[in-house]
Amino acid sequence: MFTGIIEEVGEIAELSESGGFRKIRVSARSVLDDMKPGSSIAVNGVCLTATTITTDSFAADLSHETLDRTSLGRLRKGSIVNLERPMRADARFGGHIVQGHVDGVGKIRCFDRQGDVWDLEVEYSAADARYIVEKGSIAVDGISLTVAALPGPNVFSVAIIPHTFDNTNLRTARAGDPVNLEFDVLAKYVENLIRR
């Protein structure tokens, strides 16, 4: 389980194809401190398994399922990515429950600065509208955010403070970019209970 509080921004150092999987190598620093082969790591909100760790990077394999259901298939050498290790049981819970199981890929509609904050608007699938509510939690590329408004059909907006802008991959985000979306797991469980 993750919290959506990004620990550091890494960089894609290498991509290769191997036995039906795409392998990525990510340059990083602080998330490597206690990482070992088999450790979970969220990359742009997608829970991956570290396979090889060096002093300045880790590698992970991307399955066809991951490539089909997330934006990770669009990564290129030099892309910057949000990184977060799983939450420790003795740590503070800073964001919201993020599983690293992406529900869908949205698209940035616009990303404009409004005074001291940036207004990020994201388009999403109509089928996902039931999970998105004003003031509800949502993970965008693994970042724990709060839905500020629903300005149009299948569009939500979030306010990005300078700290989040400076310390995540949002500093390179542009209109039209894909973003991984994970909806609040509590909403999905409630829906399932009510449906039964």
N, C-alpha and C. Protein backbone atom coordinates (compact mmCIF):
# COMPACT_ATOMS: atom_id res chain seq x y z
N MET A 1 0.84 -1.18 0.00
CA MET A 1 0.00 0.00 0.00
C MET A 1 0.88 1.24 0.00
N PHE A 2 0.41 2.27 -0.72
CA PHE A 2 1.13 3.53 -0.81
C PHE A 2 0.22 4.64 -0.27
N THR A 3 0.77 5.86 -0.20
CA THR A 3 -0.02 6.98 0.31
C THR A 3 -0.18 8.10 -0.70
N GLY A 4 0.53 8.04 -1.81
CA GLY A 4 0.45 9.11 -2.80
C GLY A 4 1.32 10.30 -2.47
N ILE A 5 2.21 10.16 -1.49
CA ILE A 5 3.18 11.21 -1.18
C ILE A 5 4.48 10.83 -1.88
N ILE A 6 4.81 11.53 -2.95
CA ILE A 6 5.95 11.18 -3.79
C ILE A 6 7.25 11.44 -3.04
N GLU A 7 8.12 10.44 -3.05
CA GLU A 7 9.39 10.56 -2.33
C GLU A 7 10.48 11.22 -3.17
N GLU A 8 10.50 10.90 -4.44
CA GLU A 8 11.48 11.52 -5.32
C GLU A 8 11.06 11.34 -6.77
N VAL A 9 11.67 12.13 -7.63
CA VAL A 9 11.45 12.01 -9.06
C VAL A 9 12.67 11.31 -9.64
N GLY A 10 12.42 10.19 -10.33
CA GLY A 10 13.50 9.46 -10.99
C GLY A 10 13.48 9.74 -12.48
N GLU A 11 14.45 9.14 -13.18
CA GLU A 11 14.54 9.33 -14.62
C GLU A 11 14.73 7.98 -15.29
N ILE A 12 14.02 7.76 -16.39
CA ILE A 12 14.18 6.52 -17.15
C ILE A 12 15.55 6.54 -17.81
N ALA A 13 16.41 5.61 -17.40
CA ALA A 13 17.78 5.55 -17.92
C ALA A 13 17.89 4.59 -19.10
N GLU A 14 16.99 3.60 -19.14
CA GLU A 14 17.10 2.59 -20.20
C GLU A 14 15.78 1.84 -20.33
N LEU A 15 15.44 1.46 -21.57
CA LEU A 15 14.29 0.60 -21.85
C LEU A 15 14.75 -0.49 -22.79
N SER A 16 14.25 -1.72 -22.57
CA SER A 16 14.60 -2.82 -23.47
C SER A 16 13.48 -3.83 -23.46
N GLU A 17 13.45 -4.67 -24.47
CA GLU A 17 12.46 -5.75 -24.57
C GLU A 17 13.14 -7.06 -24.23
N SER A 18 12.46 -7.89 -23.42
CA SER A 18 13.07 -9.15 -23.00
C SER A 18 11.98 -10.18 -22.70
N GLY A 19 11.90 -11.21 -23.52
CA GLY A 19 10.99 -12.33 -23.26
C GLY A 19 9.55 -11.94 -23.08
N GLY A 20 9.03 -11.04 -23.89
CA GLY A 20 7.64 -10.64 -23.78
C GLY A 20 7.38 -9.55 -22.76
N PHE A 21 8.40 -9.06 -22.10
CA PHE A 21 8.29 -7.98 -21.13
C PHE A 21 9.10 -6.79 -21.61
N ARG A 22 8.70 -5.61 -21.18
CA ARG A 22 9.53 -4.43 -21.36
C ARG A 22 10.23 -4.18 -20.05
N LYS A 23 11.52 -4.04 -20.10
CA LYS A 23 12.32 -3.78 -18.89
C LYS A 23 12.68 -2.31 -18.87
N ILE A 24 12.48 -1.67 -17.71
CA ILE A 24 12.93 -0.29 -17.55
C ILE A 24 13.97 -0.24 -16.45
N ARG A 25 14.92 0.67 -16.63
CA ARG A 25 15.88 0.97 -15.57
C ARG A 25 15.68 2.42 -15.20
N VAL A 26 15.51 2.69 -13.90
CA VAL A 26 15.17 4.02 -13.41
C VAL A 26 16.30 4.53 -12.53
N SER A 27 16.86 5.69 -12.89
CA SER A 27 17.86 6.33 -12.04
C SER A 27 17.16 6.94 -10.84
N ALA A 28 17.69 6.69 -9.65
CA ALA A 28 17.06 7.18 -8.42
C ALA A 28 18.13 7.29 -7.33
N ARG A 29 17.73 7.86 -6.18
CA ARG A 29 18.66 7.99 -5.05
C ARG A 29 18.02 7.48 -3.76
N SER A 30 17.12 8.29 -3.18
CA SER A 30 16.65 7.99 -1.82
C SER A 30 15.78 6.74 -1.75
N VAL A 31 15.02 6.40 -2.78
CA VAL A 31 14.18 5.20 -2.70
C VAL A 31 14.99 3.92 -2.72
N LEU A 32 16.27 4.02 -3.03
CA LEU A 32 17.14 2.84 -3.08
C LEU A 32 17.65 2.43 -1.70
N ASP A 33 17.47 3.30 -0.70
CA ASP A 33 18.05 3.08 0.63
C ASP A 33 17.81 1.68 1.19
N ASP A 34 16.58 1.22 1.16
CA ASP A 34 16.28 -0.09 1.74
C ASP A 34 15.67 -1.04 0.69
N MET A 35 15.90 -0.74 -0.57
CA MET A 35 15.34 -1.56 -1.64
C MET A 35 16.19 -2.80 -1.87
N LYS A 36 15.51 -3.91 -2.14
CA LYS A 36 16.21 -5.14 -2.50
C LYS A 36 15.39 -5.83 -3.59
N PRO A 37 15.97 -6.81 -4.29
CA PRO A 37 15.19 -7.51 -5.32
C PRO A 37 13.89 -8.06 -4.73
N GLY A 38 12.79 -7.79 -5.42
CA GLY A 38 11.47 -8.21 -4.94
C GLY A 38 10.70 -7.11 -4.24
N SER A 39 11.36 -5.98 -3.95
CA SER A 39 10.67 -4.86 -3.30
C SER A 39 9.66 -4.24 -4.24
N SER A 40 8.55 -3.77 -3.67
CA SER A 40 7.56 -3.02 -4.44
C SER A 40 7.99 -1.57 -4.53
N ILE A 41 7.66 -0.94 -5.66
CA ILE A 41 7.93 0.48 -5.86
C ILE A 41 6.85 1.02 -6.79
N ALA A 42 6.28 2.16 -6.44
CA ALA A 42 5.29 2.79 -7.31
C ALA A 42 6.01 3.73 -8.27
N VAL A 43 5.78 3.51 -9.57
CA VAL A 43 6.36 4.35 -10.63
C VAL A 43 5.18 5.00 -11.35
N ASN A 44 5.05 6.31 -11.21
CA ASN A 44 3.89 7.03 -11.74
C ASN A 44 2.59 6.39 -11.30
N GLY A 45 2.58 5.91 -10.05
CA GLY A 45 1.38 5.34 -9.47
C GLY A 45 1.13 3.88 -9.78
N VAL A 46 2.04 3.24 -10.50
CA VAL A 46 1.89 1.83 -10.86
C VAL A 46 2.81 1.00 -9.96
N CYS A 47 2.24 0.06 -9.23
CA CYS A 47 3.05 -0.80 -8.36
C CYS A 47 3.84 -1.78 -9.21
N LEU A 48 5.17 -1.68 -9.13
CA LEU A 48 6.08 -2.57 -9.86
C LEU A 48 6.96 -3.30 -8.86
N THR A 49 7.63 -4.33 -9.35
CA THR A 49 8.57 -5.10 -8.52
C THR A 49 9.99 -4.83 -9.00
N ALA A 50 10.83 -4.36 -8.10
CA ALA A 50 12.23 -4.13 -8.45
C ALA A 50 12.92 -5.48 -8.64
N THR A 51 13.61 -5.62 -9.75
CA THR A 51 14.28 -6.89 -10.05
C THR A 51 15.78 -6.82 -9.83
N THR A 52 16.38 -5.69 -10.16
CA THR A 52 17.82 -5.49 -10.01
C THR A 52 18.04 -4.10 -9.43
N ILE A 53 18.92 -4.01 -8.45
CA ILE A 53 19.22 -2.72 -7.83
C ILE A 53 20.71 -2.48 -7.91
N THR A 54 21.09 -1.26 -8.32
CA THR A 54 22.49 -0.85 -8.30
C THR A 54 22.61 0.33 -7.33
N THR A 55 23.76 0.95 -7.27
CA THR A 55 23.95 2.08 -6.35
C THR A 55 23.18 3.32 -6.78
N ASP A 56 22.77 3.38 -8.06
CA ASP A 56 22.07 4.58 -8.51
C ASP A 56 20.84 4.30 -9.38
N SER A 57 20.34 3.05 -9.37
CA SER A 57 19.17 2.74 -10.19
C SER A 57 18.53 1.43 -9.76
N PHE A 58 17.33 1.21 -10.29
CA PHE A 58 16.68 -0.09 -10.13
C PHE A 58 16.03 -0.44 -11.47
N ALA A 59 15.80 -1.73 -11.67
CA ALA A 59 15.13 -2.20 -12.88
C ALA A 59 13.82 -2.86 -12.49
N ALA A 60 12.86 -2.84 -13.42
CA ALA A 60 11.57 -3.50 -13.23
C ALA A 60 11.05 -3.96 -14.58
N ASP A 61 10.26 -5.02 -14.56
CA ASP A 61 9.66 -5.55 -15.78
C ASP A 61 8.22 -5.07 -15.90
N LEU A 62 7.82 -4.70 -17.12
CA LEU A 62 6.45 -4.27 -17.40
C LEU A 62 5.79 -5.33 -18.26
N SER A 63 4.69 -5.89 -17.77
CA SER A 63 3.95 -6.90 -18.53
C SER A 63 3.07 -6.23 -19.58
N HIS A 64 2.50 -7.04 -20.47
CA HIS A 64 1.55 -6.50 -21.45
C HIS A 64 0.36 -5.87 -20.75
N GLU A 65 -0.10 -6.47 -19.65
CA GLU A 65 -1.21 -5.93 -18.87
C GLU A 65 -0.89 -4.51 -18.40
N THR A 66 0.30 -4.33 -17.86
CA THR A 66 0.72 -3.01 -17.38
C THR A 66 0.82 -2.02 -18.53
N LEU A 67 1.38 -2.45 -19.63
CA LEU A 67 1.54 -1.56 -20.79
C LEU A 67 0.19 -1.18 -21.38
N ASP A 68 -0.78 -2.11 -21.37
CA ASP A 68 -2.09 -1.85 -21.95
C ASP A 68 -2.96 -0.96 -21.06
N ARG A 69 -2.80 -1.05 -19.74
CA ARG A 69 -3.73 -0.37 -18.82
C ARG A 69 -3.18 0.89 -18.18
N THR A 70 -1.92 1.23 -18.47
CA THR A 70 -1.32 2.41 -17.85
C THR A 70 -0.63 3.24 -18.93
N SER A 71 -0.06 4.35 -18.51
CA SER A 71 0.69 5.20 -19.44
C SER A 71 2.17 4.82 -19.51
N LEU A 72 2.58 3.78 -18.78
CA LEU A 72 4.01 3.45 -18.75
C LEU A 72 4.55 3.02 -20.10
N GLY A 73 3.70 2.56 -20.99
CA GLY A 73 4.15 2.18 -22.33
C GLY A 73 4.64 3.36 -23.15
N ARG A 74 4.32 4.57 -22.70
CA ARG A 74 4.74 5.77 -23.43
C ARG A 74 6.01 6.38 -22.88
N LEU A 75 6.59 5.74 -21.88
CA LEU A 75 7.84 6.25 -21.33
C LEU A 75 8.96 6.14 -22.35
N ARG A 76 9.86 7.10 -22.33
CA ARG A 76 11.03 7.12 -23.19
C ARG A 76 12.26 7.35 -22.33
N LYS A 77 13.42 7.09 -22.87
CA LYS A 77 14.66 7.39 -22.15
C LYS A 77 14.66 8.89 -21.84
N GLY A 78 14.91 9.23 -20.59
CA GLY A 78 14.91 10.62 -20.15
C GLY A 78 13.61 11.07 -19.52
N SER A 79 12.53 10.28 -19.67
CA SER A 79 11.25 10.63 -19.02
C SER A 79 11.46 10.68 -17.51
N ILE A 80 10.82 11.65 -16.85
CA ILE A 80 10.90 11.68 -15.39
C ILE A 80 9.63 11.04 -14.82
N VAL A 81 9.81 10.33 -13.71
CA VAL A 81 8.72 9.55 -13.13
C VAL A 81 8.65 9.75 -11.63
N ASN A 82 7.43 9.71 -11.10
CA ASN A 82 7.20 9.80 -9.66
C ASN A 82 7.52 8.46 -9.02
N LEU A 83 8.22 8.49 -7.89
CA LEU A 83 8.60 7.27 -7.19
C LEU A 83 8.14 7.33 -5.73
N GLU A 84 7.59 6.20 -5.27
CA GLU A 84 7.20 6.08 -3.87
C GLU A 84 7.36 4.63 -3.43
N ARG A 85 8.01 4.45 -2.28
CA ARG A 85 8.08 3.12 -1.68
C ARG A 85 6.79 2.84 -0.92
N PRO A 86 6.50 1.55 -0.67
CA PRO A 86 5.30 1.22 0.11
C PRO A 86 5.35 1.86 1.49
N MET A 87 4.17 2.11 2.03
CA MET A 87 4.07 2.71 3.36
C MET A 87 4.55 1.73 4.42
N ARG A 88 5.32 2.24 5.39
CA ARG A 88 5.74 1.43 6.52
C ARG A 88 4.64 1.43 7.58
N ALA A 89 4.51 0.34 8.31
CA ALA A 89 3.46 0.23 9.33
C ALA A 89 3.64 1.22 10.46
N ASP A 90 4.86 1.68 10.71
CA ASP A 90 5.10 2.61 11.81
C ASP A 90 5.23 4.06 11.34
N ALA A 91 4.78 4.34 10.11
CA ALA A 91 4.93 5.68 9.56
C ALA A 91 3.61 6.45 9.62
N ARG A 92 3.71 7.77 9.49
CA ARG A 92 2.51 8.60 9.40
C ARG A 92 1.84 8.37 8.07
N PHE A 93 0.54 8.49 8.05
CA PHE A 93 -0.25 8.30 6.84
C PHE A 93 -0.51 9.70 6.26
N GLY A 94 0.27 10.09 5.26
CA GLY A 94 0.22 11.48 4.80
C GLY A 94 -0.79 11.79 3.71
N GLY A 95 -1.13 10.85 2.86
CA GLY A 95 -2.01 11.14 1.73
C GLY A 95 -3.34 10.43 1.88
N HIS A 96 -3.58 9.44 1.01
CA HIS A 96 -4.75 8.58 1.14
C HIS A 96 -4.35 7.18 0.69
N ILE A 97 -5.23 6.21 0.84
CA ILE A 97 -4.89 4.83 0.47
C ILE A 97 -4.74 4.74 -1.04
N VAL A 98 -3.53 4.41 -1.47
CA VAL A 98 -3.22 4.23 -2.88
C VAL A 98 -2.64 2.83 -3.03
N GLN A 99 -3.24 2.02 -3.87
CA GLN A 99 -2.81 0.63 -4.01
C GLN A 99 -1.75 0.42 -5.08
N GLY A 100 -1.63 1.36 -6.00
CA GLY A 100 -0.72 1.16 -7.12
C GLY A 100 -1.36 0.33 -8.22
N HIS A 101 -2.69 0.18 -8.17
CA HIS A 101 -3.45 -0.54 -9.18
C HIS A 101 -4.23 0.49 -9.99
N VAL A 102 -3.70 0.87 -11.12
CA VAL A 102 -4.26 1.95 -11.93
C VAL A 102 -5.62 1.53 -12.49
N ASP A 103 -6.61 2.43 -12.36
CA ASP A 103 -7.96 2.16 -12.85
C ASP A 103 -8.13 2.58 -14.31
N GLY A 104 -7.36 3.54 -14.75
CA GLY A 104 -7.48 4.01 -16.12
C GLY A 104 -6.48 5.11 -16.40
N VAL A 105 -6.43 5.49 -17.67
CA VAL A 105 -5.54 6.56 -18.10
C VAL A 105 -6.39 7.76 -18.49
N GLY A 106 -6.11 8.90 -17.87
CA GLY A 106 -6.78 10.14 -18.23
C GLY A 106 -5.87 10.96 -19.13
N LYS A 107 -6.36 12.12 -19.54
CA LYS A 107 -5.58 13.00 -20.40
C LYS A 107 -5.65 14.41 -19.85
N ILE A 108 -4.51 15.07 -19.73
CA ILE A 108 -4.49 16.45 -19.26
C ILE A 108 -5.19 17.34 -20.29
N ARG A 109 -6.24 18.01 -19.84
CA ARG A 109 -6.97 18.93 -20.72
C ARG A 109 -6.30 20.29 -20.74
N CYS A 110 -5.95 20.79 -19.56
CA CYS A 110 -5.19 22.04 -19.47
C CYS A 110 -4.46 22.06 -18.14
N PHE A 111 -3.40 22.86 -18.09
CA PHE A 111 -2.59 22.97 -16.89
C PHE A 111 -2.09 24.40 -16.84
N ASP A 112 -2.82 25.26 -16.12
CA ASP A 112 -2.55 26.69 -16.13
C ASP A 112 -2.24 27.19 -14.73
N ARG A 113 -1.32 28.14 -14.67
CA ARG A 113 -1.01 28.76 -13.38
C ARG A 113 -2.05 29.83 -13.07
N GLN A 114 -2.55 29.77 -11.83
CA GLN A 114 -3.51 30.76 -11.34
C GLN A 114 -2.94 31.34 -10.04
N GLY A 115 -2.18 32.42 -10.14
CA GLY A 115 -1.53 33.00 -8.96
C GLY A 115 -0.44 32.08 -8.45
N ASP A 116 -0.58 31.64 -7.19
CA ASP A 116 0.44 30.79 -6.57
C ASP A 116 0.20 29.31 -6.79
N VAL A 117 -0.88 28.93 -7.46
CA VAL A 117 -1.18 27.52 -7.68
C VAL A 117 -1.39 27.26 -9.17
N TRP A 118 -1.33 26.00 -9.53
CA TRP A 118 -1.61 25.59 -10.90
C TRP A 118 -2.93 24.84 -10.89
N ASP A 119 -3.77 25.11 -11.88
CA ASP A 119 -5.04 24.42 -12.03
C ASP A 119 -4.85 23.33 -13.08
N LEU A 120 -4.97 22.08 -12.63
CA LEU A 120 -4.80 20.93 -13.52
C LEU A 120 -6.18 20.35 -13.81
N GLU A 121 -6.55 20.31 -15.09
CA GLU A 121 -7.81 19.69 -15.49
C GLU A 121 -7.50 18.41 -16.25
N VAL A 122 -8.18 17.32 -15.87
CA VAL A 122 -7.94 16.01 -16.45
C VAL A 122 -9.26 15.44 -16.98
N GLU A 123 -9.21 14.97 -18.23
CA GLU A 123 -10.36 14.27 -18.82
C GLU A 123 -10.26 12.79 -18.47
N TYR A 124 -11.41 12.16 -18.25
CA TYR A 124 -11.45 10.75 -17.90
C TYR A 124 -12.62 10.08 -18.60
N SER A 125 -12.65 8.77 -18.57
CA SER A 125 -13.70 7.99 -19.21
C SER A 125 -15.04 8.21 -18.51
N ALA A 126 -16.11 8.29 -19.30
CA ALA A 126 -17.45 8.48 -18.73
C ALA A 126 -17.81 7.35 -17.77
N ALA A 127 -17.30 6.15 -18.01
CA ALA A 127 -17.61 5.02 -17.14
C ALA A 127 -17.04 5.20 -15.73
N ASP A 128 -16.06 6.09 -15.59
CA ASP A 128 -15.41 6.27 -14.29
C ASP A 128 -16.00 7.42 -13.47
N ALA A 129 -16.98 8.12 -14.02
CA ALA A 129 -17.53 9.30 -13.36
C ALA A 129 -18.08 8.99 -11.97
N ARG A 130 -18.57 7.78 -11.76
CA ARG A 130 -19.18 7.44 -10.48
C ARG A 130 -18.16 7.41 -9.33
N TYR A 131 -16.88 7.35 -9.64
CA TYR A 131 -15.85 7.29 -8.60
C TYR A 131 -15.26 8.66 -8.25
N ILE A 132 -15.64 9.67 -8.98
CA ILE A 132 -15.01 10.98 -8.81
C ILE A 132 -16.02 11.96 -8.24
N VAL A 133 -15.70 12.48 -7.05
CA VAL A 133 -16.59 13.44 -6.39
C VAL A 133 -15.78 14.65 -5.94
N GLU A 134 -16.44 15.79 -5.92
CA GLU A 134 -15.79 17.01 -5.45
C GLU A 134 -15.32 16.80 -4.01
N LYS A 135 -14.09 17.22 -3.74
CA LYS A 135 -13.41 17.08 -2.45
C LYS A 135 -13.02 15.63 -2.14
N GLY A 136 -13.18 14.73 -3.08
CA GLY A 136 -12.76 13.35 -2.90
C GLY A 136 -11.29 13.19 -3.26
N SER A 137 -10.72 12.06 -2.86
CA SER A 137 -9.32 11.77 -3.15
C SER A 137 -9.19 11.09 -4.51
N ILE A 138 -8.07 11.39 -5.18
CA ILE A 138 -7.73 10.73 -6.44
C ILE A 138 -6.21 10.72 -6.57
N ALA A 139 -5.67 9.67 -7.15
CA ALA A 139 -4.23 9.62 -7.41
C ALA A 139 -4.01 9.86 -8.89
N VAL A 140 -3.19 10.86 -9.20
CA VAL A 140 -2.82 11.20 -10.57
C VAL A 140 -1.33 10.95 -10.72
N ASP A 141 -0.96 9.98 -11.54
CA ASP A 141 0.44 9.54 -11.66
C ASP A 141 1.03 9.25 -10.28
N GLY A 142 0.18 8.70 -9.40
CA GLY A 142 0.64 8.31 -8.07
C GLY A 142 0.61 9.41 -7.03
N ILE A 143 0.23 10.63 -7.42
CA ILE A 143 0.21 11.76 -6.49
C ILE A 143 -1.16 11.83 -5.83
N SER A 144 -1.19 11.83 -4.51
CA SER A 144 -2.45 11.98 -3.77
C SER A 144 -2.94 13.41 -3.91
N LEU A 145 -4.11 13.57 -4.55
CA LEU A 145 -4.68 14.89 -4.78
C LEU A 145 -6.14 14.91 -4.37
N THR A 146 -6.68 16.11 -4.20
CA THR A 146 -8.08 16.29 -3.86
C THR A 146 -8.80 16.95 -5.04
N VAL A 147 -9.91 16.35 -5.44
CA VAL A 147 -10.69 16.92 -6.54
C VAL A 147 -11.25 18.26 -6.07
N ALA A 148 -10.88 19.32 -6.77
CA ALA A 148 -11.34 20.66 -6.40
C ALA A 148 -12.70 20.97 -7.01
N ALA A 149 -12.90 20.52 -8.25
CA ALA A 149 -14.16 20.82 -8.95
C ALA A 149 -14.36 19.85 -10.09
N LEU A 150 -15.58 19.83 -10.58
CA LEU A 150 -15.94 19.03 -11.76
C LEU A 150 -16.45 20.04 -12.80
N PRO A 151 -15.53 20.68 -13.55
CA PRO A 151 -15.89 21.80 -14.42
C PRO A 151 -16.65 21.44 -15.69
N GLY A 152 -16.75 20.18 -16.01
CA GLY A 152 -17.47 19.78 -17.22
C GLY A 152 -17.67 18.29 -17.24
N PRO A 153 -18.39 17.78 -18.24
CA PRO A 153 -18.59 16.34 -18.33
C PRO A 153 -17.25 15.60 -18.45
N ASN A 154 -17.05 14.62 -17.58
CA ASN A 154 -15.86 13.78 -17.61
C ASN A 154 -14.56 14.57 -17.48
N VAL A 155 -14.60 15.62 -16.67
CA VAL A 155 -13.41 16.43 -16.39
C VAL A 155 -13.39 16.75 -14.90
N PHE A 156 -12.24 16.57 -14.27
CA PHE A 156 -12.07 17.05 -12.90
C PHE A 156 -10.88 17.99 -12.86
N SER A 157 -10.87 18.85 -11.86
CA SER A 157 -9.73 19.75 -11.68
C SER A 157 -9.17 19.58 -10.27
N VAL A 158 -7.88 19.78 -10.17
CA VAL A 158 -7.19 19.75 -8.88
C VAL A 158 -6.26 20.96 -8.82
N ALA A 159 -6.06 21.48 -7.63
CA ALA A 159 -5.15 22.60 -7.42
C ALA A 159 -3.79 22.05 -7.03
N ILE A 160 -2.78 22.45 -7.77
CA ILE A 160 -1.41 21.98 -7.53
C ILE A 160 -0.61 23.08 -6.86
N ILE A 161 -0.17 22.84 -5.63
CA ILE A 161 0.61 23.84 -4.91
C ILE A 161 2.06 23.81 -5.40
N PRO A 162 2.84 24.88 -5.16
CA PRO A 162 4.22 24.92 -5.66
C PRO A 162 5.08 23.72 -5.22
N HIS A 163 4.92 23.26 -3.98
CA HIS A 163 5.73 22.12 -3.52
C HIS A 163 5.46 20.88 -4.38
N THR A 164 4.20 20.60 -4.66
CA THR A 164 3.85 19.44 -5.49
C THR A 164 4.38 19.62 -6.91
N PHE A 165 4.23 20.82 -7.46
CA PHE A 165 4.73 21.10 -8.80
C PHE A 165 6.24 20.86 -8.88
N ASP A 166 6.97 21.38 -7.90
CA ASP A 166 8.44 21.29 -7.92
C ASP A 166 8.98 19.90 -7.65
N ASN A 167 8.21 19.05 -6.95
CA ASN A 167 8.74 17.77 -6.48
C ASN A 167 8.07 16.54 -7.09
N THR A 168 7.41 16.73 -8.25
CA THR A 168 6.80 15.61 -8.96
C THR A 168 7.03 15.78 -10.46
N ASN A 169 6.57 14.79 -11.23
CA ASN A 169 6.73 14.89 -12.68
C ASN A 169 5.79 15.94 -13.30
N LEU A 170 4.91 16.55 -12.50
CA LEU A 170 4.02 17.58 -13.03
C LEU A 170 4.79 18.78 -13.56
N ARG A 171 6.01 18.96 -13.13
CA ARG A 171 6.78 20.11 -13.62
C ARG A 171 7.07 20.02 -15.11
N THR A 172 6.90 18.83 -15.71
CA THR A 172 7.09 18.69 -17.15
C THR A 172 5.77 18.37 -17.87
N ALA A 173 4.65 18.39 -17.15
CA ALA A 173 3.35 18.01 -17.73
C ALA A 173 2.85 19.08 -18.69
N ARG A 174 2.18 18.61 -19.75
CA ARG A 174 1.61 19.49 -20.76
C ARG A 174 0.21 19.00 -21.14
N ALA A 175 -0.60 19.89 -21.68
CA ALA A 175 -1.91 19.51 -22.18
C ALA A 175 -1.75 18.40 -23.20
N GLY A 176 -2.62 17.39 -23.09
CA GLY A 176 -2.57 16.24 -24.00
C GLY A 176 -1.81 15.06 -23.44
N ASP A 177 -1.01 15.26 -22.39
CA ASP A 177 -0.25 14.16 -21.80
C ASP A 177 -1.18 13.16 -21.12
N PRO A 178 -0.86 11.87 -21.22
CA PRO A 178 -1.64 10.87 -20.47
C PRO A 178 -1.18 10.82 -19.02
N VAL A 179 -2.11 10.52 -18.12
CA VAL A 179 -1.78 10.37 -16.70
C VAL A 179 -2.51 9.15 -16.15
N ASN A 180 -1.85 8.42 -15.27
CA ASN A 180 -2.46 7.26 -14.62
C ASN A 180 -3.41 7.75 -13.53
N LEU A 181 -4.61 7.15 -13.50
CA LEU A 181 -5.60 7.51 -12.49
C LEU A 181 -5.93 6.30 -11.64
N GLU A 182 -5.95 6.52 -10.34
CA GLU A 182 -6.44 5.50 -9.41
C GLU A 182 -7.48 6.16 -8.52
N PHE A 183 -8.69 5.59 -8.53
CA PHE A 183 -9.79 6.15 -7.76
C PHE A 183 -9.75 5.62 -6.33
N ASP A 184 -10.47 6.29 -5.48
CA ASP A 184 -10.51 5.93 -4.06
C ASP A 184 -11.04 4.50 -3.90
N VAL A 185 -10.24 3.64 -3.31
CA VAL A 185 -10.63 2.23 -3.15
C VAL A 185 -11.89 2.09 -2.30
N LEU A 186 -12.12 3.01 -1.37
CA LEU A 186 -13.33 2.94 -0.54
C LEU A 186 -14.58 3.07 -1.40
N ALA A 187 -14.54 3.95 -2.40
CA ALA A 187 -15.70 4.11 -3.28
C ALA A 187 -15.98 2.82 -4.04
N LYS A 188 -14.93 2.13 -4.45
CA LYS A 188 -15.11 0.89 -5.22
C LYS A 188 -15.69 -0.21 -4.33
N TYR A 189 -15.28 -0.29 -3.09
CA TYR A 189 -15.84 -1.29 -2.18
C TYR A 189 -17.30 -0.98 -1.86
N VAL A 190 -17.61 0.30 -1.62
CA VAL A 190 -19.00 0.68 -1.33
C VAL A 190 -19.88 0.33 -2.52
N GLU A 191 -19.42 0.64 -3.73
CA GLU A 191 -20.20 0.31 -4.92
C GLU A 191 -20.46 -1.19 -4.99
N ASN A 192 -19.45 -1.99 -4.72
CA ASN A 192 -19.59 -3.44 -4.79
C ASN A 192 -20.58 -3.96 -3.74
N LEU A 193 -20.53 -3.41 -2.55
CA LEU A 193 -21.46 -3.83 -1.49
C LEU A 193 -22.90 -3.45 -1.83
N ILE A 194 -23.10 -2.25 -2.36
CA ILE A 194 -24.44 -1.81 -2.70
C ILE A 194 -25.01 -2.63 -3.85
N ARG A 195 -24.16 -2.95 -4.84
CA ARG A 195 -24.61 -3.71 -6.00
C ARG A 195 -25.11 -5.09 -5.58
N ARG A 196 -24.50 -5.69 -4.56
CA ARG A 196 -24.91 -7.03 -4.10
C ARG A 196 -26.22 -6.96 -3.34
